[in-house]
Amino acid sequence: MTPRAELDFQTFFYVIRCDVEGDINLTIDGKLYPISAKNFVIQIGSDVCILGFQPTFGSSYGPEWILGGPFLREYCNVHDVGKKQIGFAKSKQ
């Protein structure tokens, strides 16, 4: 099943079914980063869930999203200040 989310215009959260399974796949610099449902579905009520990613509005560069907690739970961030690089490693969950 493809995850389907609907924007709640009062809260600007995307409401999603709590029983969604599967991954959302992000491609960053040509590399695939799958995010599992257990990390992107956030339960906020007994039967209400929201998408853990949030859009930003008003960007002149096209669609932009705040990846936040779901991405950080799925991948560890590795910062190399000397080489001015950021890398990602799969987290142990």
N, C-alpha and C. Protein backbone atom coordinates (compact mmCIF):
# COMPACT_ATOMS: atom_id res chain seq x y z
N MET A 1 0.84 -1.18 0.00
CA MET A 1 0.00 0.00 0.00
C MET A 1 0.89 1.25 0.00
N THR A 2 0.60 2.17 -0.87
CA THR A 2 1.33 3.43 -0.91
C THR A 2 0.80 4.34 0.18
N PRO A 3 1.68 4.86 1.05
CA PRO A 3 1.21 5.78 2.09
C PRO A 3 0.55 7.00 1.47
N ARG A 4 -0.63 7.35 1.97
CA ARG A 4 -1.36 8.51 1.49
C ARG A 4 -1.59 9.42 2.68
N ALA A 5 -1.25 10.67 2.53
CA ALA A 5 -1.42 11.64 3.61
C ALA A 5 -2.22 12.82 3.08
N GLU A 6 -3.04 13.39 3.95
CA GLU A 6 -3.84 14.56 3.58
C GLU A 6 -3.48 15.71 4.50
N LEU A 7 -3.28 16.88 3.90
CA LEU A 7 -2.91 18.07 4.67
C LEU A 7 -4.10 18.57 5.47
N ASP A 8 -3.88 18.76 6.77
CA ASP A 8 -4.87 19.40 7.65
C ASP A 8 -4.53 20.89 7.63
N PHE A 9 -5.40 21.70 7.03
CA PHE A 9 -5.11 23.11 6.83
C PHE A 9 -5.16 23.93 8.12
N GLN A 10 -5.67 23.36 9.21
CA GLN A 10 -5.66 24.07 10.50
C GLN A 10 -4.31 23.92 11.19
N THR A 11 -3.73 22.72 11.10
CA THR A 11 -2.47 22.47 11.80
C THR A 11 -1.26 22.44 10.87
N PHE A 12 -1.52 22.30 9.57
CA PHE A 12 -0.49 22.12 8.55
C PHE A 12 0.33 20.84 8.77
N PHE A 13 -0.28 19.86 9.44
CA PHE A 13 0.28 18.51 9.53
C PHE A 13 -0.38 17.66 8.48
N TYR A 14 0.36 16.69 7.96
CA TYR A 14 -0.22 15.71 7.06
C TYR A 14 -0.74 14.54 7.89
N VAL A 15 -2.04 14.29 7.83
CA VAL A 15 -2.66 13.19 8.56
C VAL A 15 -2.52 11.92 7.72
N ILE A 16 -2.13 10.84 8.37
CA ILE A 16 -1.86 9.58 7.68
C ILE A 16 -2.47 8.44 8.50
N ARG A 17 -2.81 7.36 7.84
CA ARG A 17 -3.35 6.20 8.56
C ARG A 17 -2.29 5.64 9.50
N CYS A 18 -2.72 5.23 10.67
CA CYS A 18 -1.78 4.70 11.67
C CYS A 18 -1.23 3.33 11.30
N ASP A 19 -1.95 2.59 10.44
CA ASP A 19 -1.53 1.23 10.11
C ASP A 19 -0.72 1.15 8.81
N VAL A 20 -0.20 2.27 8.36
CA VAL A 20 0.60 2.29 7.13
C VAL A 20 1.86 1.45 7.32
N GLU A 21 2.21 0.69 6.31
CA GLU A 21 3.44 -0.10 6.32
C GLU A 21 4.29 0.29 5.12
N GLY A 22 5.53 -0.11 5.14
CA GLY A 22 6.40 0.17 4.01
C GLY A 22 7.34 1.32 4.30
N ASP A 23 8.04 1.73 3.27
CA ASP A 23 9.05 2.77 3.39
C ASP A 23 8.69 3.98 2.54
N ILE A 24 9.23 5.12 2.92
CA ILE A 24 9.29 6.29 2.06
C ILE A 24 10.76 6.39 1.65
N ASN A 25 11.00 6.48 0.36
CA ASN A 25 12.37 6.49 -0.15
C ASN A 25 12.79 7.91 -0.52
N LEU A 26 13.88 8.35 0.07
CA LEU A 26 14.45 9.66 -0.25
C LEU A 26 15.74 9.43 -1.03
N THR A 27 15.96 10.24 -2.05
CA THR A 27 17.21 10.19 -2.79
C THR A 27 17.96 11.49 -2.53
N ILE A 28 19.15 11.35 -1.97
CA ILE A 28 19.98 12.50 -1.65
C ILE A 28 21.32 12.30 -2.35
N ASP A 29 21.64 13.20 -3.24
CA ASP A 29 22.89 13.14 -4.01
C ASP A 29 23.07 11.79 -4.69
N GLY A 30 21.97 11.27 -5.24
CA GLY A 30 22.01 10.02 -5.99
C GLY A 30 21.97 8.75 -5.15
N LYS A 31 21.94 8.87 -3.82
CA LYS A 31 21.92 7.70 -2.94
C LYS A 31 20.53 7.56 -2.32
N LEU A 32 20.03 6.33 -2.27
CA LEU A 32 18.70 6.04 -1.75
C LEU A 32 18.75 5.88 -0.24
N TYR A 33 17.83 6.56 0.46
CA TYR A 33 17.69 6.47 1.91
C TYR A 33 16.25 6.11 2.24
N PRO A 34 15.94 4.82 2.42
CA PRO A 34 14.58 4.45 2.80
C PRO A 34 14.32 4.77 4.28
N ILE A 35 13.12 5.29 4.55
CA ILE A 35 12.68 5.58 5.92
C ILE A 35 11.49 4.67 6.20
N SER A 36 11.57 3.86 7.24
CA SER A 36 10.51 2.90 7.55
C SER A 36 9.33 3.58 8.24
N ALA A 37 8.16 2.99 8.07
CA ALA A 37 6.93 3.56 8.64
C ALA A 37 7.03 3.74 10.14
N LYS A 38 7.72 2.84 10.83
CA LYS A 38 7.83 2.99 12.29
C LYS A 38 8.54 4.28 12.67
N ASN A 39 9.27 4.88 11.73
CA ASN A 39 9.97 6.13 12.00
C ASN A 39 9.27 7.36 11.44
N PHE A 40 8.39 7.21 10.43
CA PHE A 40 7.75 8.41 9.89
C PHE A 40 6.28 8.57 10.27
N VAL A 41 5.66 7.55 10.86
CA VAL A 41 4.27 7.67 11.32
C VAL A 41 4.30 8.01 12.81
N ILE A 42 3.72 9.15 13.17
CA ILE A 42 3.71 9.61 14.56
C ILE A 42 2.27 9.60 15.07
N GLN A 43 2.02 8.81 16.10
CA GLN A 43 0.67 8.73 16.66
C GLN A 43 0.47 9.88 17.63
N ILE A 44 -0.60 10.68 17.39
CA ILE A 44 -0.88 11.83 18.25
C ILE A 44 -2.21 11.69 18.98
N GLY A 45 -2.93 10.62 18.72
CA GLY A 45 -4.20 10.35 19.38
C GLY A 45 -4.45 8.86 19.33
N SER A 46 -5.58 8.42 19.89
CA SER A 46 -5.84 6.98 19.92
C SER A 46 -5.90 6.37 18.53
N ASP A 47 -6.42 7.12 17.56
CA ASP A 47 -6.48 6.61 16.19
C ASP A 47 -6.12 7.68 15.17
N VAL A 48 -5.30 8.64 15.58
CA VAL A 48 -4.89 9.73 14.70
C VAL A 48 -3.37 9.73 14.60
N CYS A 49 -2.87 9.72 13.37
CA CYS A 49 -1.42 9.75 13.15
C CYS A 49 -1.09 10.84 12.14
N ILE A 50 0.13 11.34 12.23
CA ILE A 50 0.60 12.35 11.29
C ILE A 50 1.92 11.89 10.67
N LEU A 51 2.21 12.45 9.53
CA LEU A 51 3.48 12.21 8.85
C LEU A 51 4.57 12.97 9.59
N GLY A 52 5.68 12.31 9.85
CA GLY A 52 6.76 12.92 10.62
C GLY A 52 7.55 13.98 9.88
N PHE A 53 7.42 14.04 8.57
CA PHE A 53 8.09 15.07 7.77
C PHE A 53 7.17 16.27 7.64
N GLN A 54 7.73 17.47 7.57
CA GLN A 54 6.92 18.67 7.43
C GLN A 54 7.42 19.51 6.25
N PRO A 55 6.47 20.02 5.46
CA PRO A 55 6.89 20.88 4.34
C PRO A 55 7.22 22.28 4.84
N THR A 56 8.04 22.97 4.08
CA THR A 56 8.24 24.40 4.33
C THR A 56 7.56 25.14 3.19
N PHE A 57 7.00 26.25 3.50
CA PHE A 57 6.25 27.01 2.50
C PHE A 57 6.99 28.30 2.16
N GLY A 58 6.88 28.73 0.92
CA GLY A 58 7.44 30.00 0.52
C GLY A 58 8.86 29.94 -0.01
N SER A 59 9.36 28.75 -0.26
CA SER A 59 10.72 28.64 -0.79
C SER A 59 10.72 28.95 -2.28
N SER A 60 11.73 29.67 -2.72
CA SER A 60 11.85 29.95 -4.15
C SER A 60 12.62 28.85 -4.88
N TYR A 61 13.07 27.84 -4.14
CA TYR A 61 13.86 26.75 -4.73
C TYR A 61 13.02 25.52 -5.05
N GLY A 62 11.72 25.59 -4.88
CA GLY A 62 10.87 24.43 -5.09
C GLY A 62 10.50 23.79 -3.77
N PRO A 63 9.90 22.61 -3.82
CA PRO A 63 9.45 21.97 -2.58
C PRO A 63 10.63 21.65 -1.66
N GLU A 64 10.46 21.99 -0.40
CA GLU A 64 11.45 21.66 0.62
C GLU A 64 10.74 21.04 1.80
N TRP A 65 11.40 20.08 2.44
CA TRP A 65 10.81 19.37 3.56
C TRP A 65 11.79 19.35 4.73
N ILE A 66 11.25 19.42 5.93
CA ILE A 66 12.04 19.21 7.14
C ILE A 66 11.98 17.72 7.44
N LEU A 67 13.11 17.05 7.35
CA LEU A 67 13.14 15.60 7.54
C LEU A 67 13.12 15.22 9.02
N GLY A 68 13.75 16.01 9.85
CA GLY A 68 13.66 15.89 11.29
C GLY A 68 13.84 14.51 11.89
N GLY A 69 13.01 14.24 12.91
CA GLY A 69 13.10 13.02 13.68
C GLY A 69 13.08 11.73 12.89
N PRO A 70 12.17 11.58 11.91
CA PRO A 70 12.14 10.32 11.17
C PRO A 70 13.47 9.97 10.52
N PHE A 71 14.12 10.95 9.92
CA PHE A 71 15.41 10.70 9.27
C PHE A 71 16.49 10.43 10.31
N LEU A 72 16.48 11.19 11.40
CA LEU A 72 17.51 11.02 12.43
C LEU A 72 17.37 9.71 13.18
N ARG A 73 16.15 9.18 13.31
CA ARG A 73 15.97 7.86 13.93
C ARG A 73 16.47 6.75 13.02
N GLU A 74 16.33 6.94 11.72
CA GLU A 74 16.72 5.92 10.74
C GLU A 74 18.23 5.94 10.45
N TYR A 75 18.83 7.14 10.47
CA TYR A 75 20.24 7.29 10.10
C TYR A 75 20.98 8.15 11.11
N CYS A 76 22.19 7.71 11.45
CA CYS A 76 23.08 8.52 12.29
C CYS A 76 23.76 9.54 11.38
N ASN A 77 23.92 10.74 11.88
CA ASN A 77 24.64 11.77 11.14
C ASN A 77 26.10 11.74 11.53
N VAL A 78 26.98 11.74 10.54
CA VAL A 78 28.42 11.72 10.78
C VAL A 78 28.97 13.04 10.23
N HIS A 79 29.52 13.86 11.12
CA HIS A 79 30.05 15.17 10.72
C HIS A 79 31.57 15.13 10.70
N ASP A 80 32.15 15.48 9.57
CA ASP A 80 33.60 15.58 9.43
C ASP A 80 33.93 17.04 9.15
N VAL A 81 34.24 17.77 10.22
CA VAL A 81 34.48 19.20 10.10
C VAL A 81 35.73 19.47 9.26
N GLY A 82 36.77 18.67 9.45
CA GLY A 82 38.01 18.87 8.71
C GLY A 82 37.83 18.79 7.20
N LYS A 83 37.02 17.82 6.76
CA LYS A 83 36.77 17.65 5.33
C LYS A 83 35.52 18.38 4.86
N LYS A 84 34.84 19.05 5.79
CA LYS A 84 33.61 19.79 5.49
C LYS A 84 32.59 18.87 4.82
N GLN A 85 32.35 17.71 5.46
CA GLN A 85 31.42 16.72 4.93
C GLN A 85 30.44 16.27 6.00
N ILE A 86 29.28 15.88 5.55
CA ILE A 86 28.30 15.22 6.41
C ILE A 86 27.95 13.90 5.73
N GLY A 87 27.95 12.83 6.50
CA GLY A 87 27.58 11.53 5.97
C GLY A 87 26.48 10.92 6.82
N PHE A 88 25.91 9.83 6.35
CA PHE A 88 24.83 9.16 7.06
C PHE A 88 25.14 7.68 7.17
N ALA A 89 24.87 7.10 8.32
CA ALA A 89 25.05 5.67 8.55
C ALA A 89 23.75 5.11 9.11
N LYS A 90 23.36 3.94 8.67
CA LYS A 90 22.13 3.30 9.15
C LYS A 90 22.22 3.10 10.66
N SER A 91 21.17 3.49 11.38
CA SER A 91 21.18 3.33 12.84
C SER A 91 20.83 1.90 13.22
N LYS A 92 21.22 1.52 14.42
CA LYS A 92 20.86 0.20 14.96
C LYS A 92 19.57 0.38 15.74
N GLN A 93 18.49 -0.19 15.23
CA GLN A 93 17.20 -0.05 15.92
C GLN A 93 16.72 -1.37 16.42
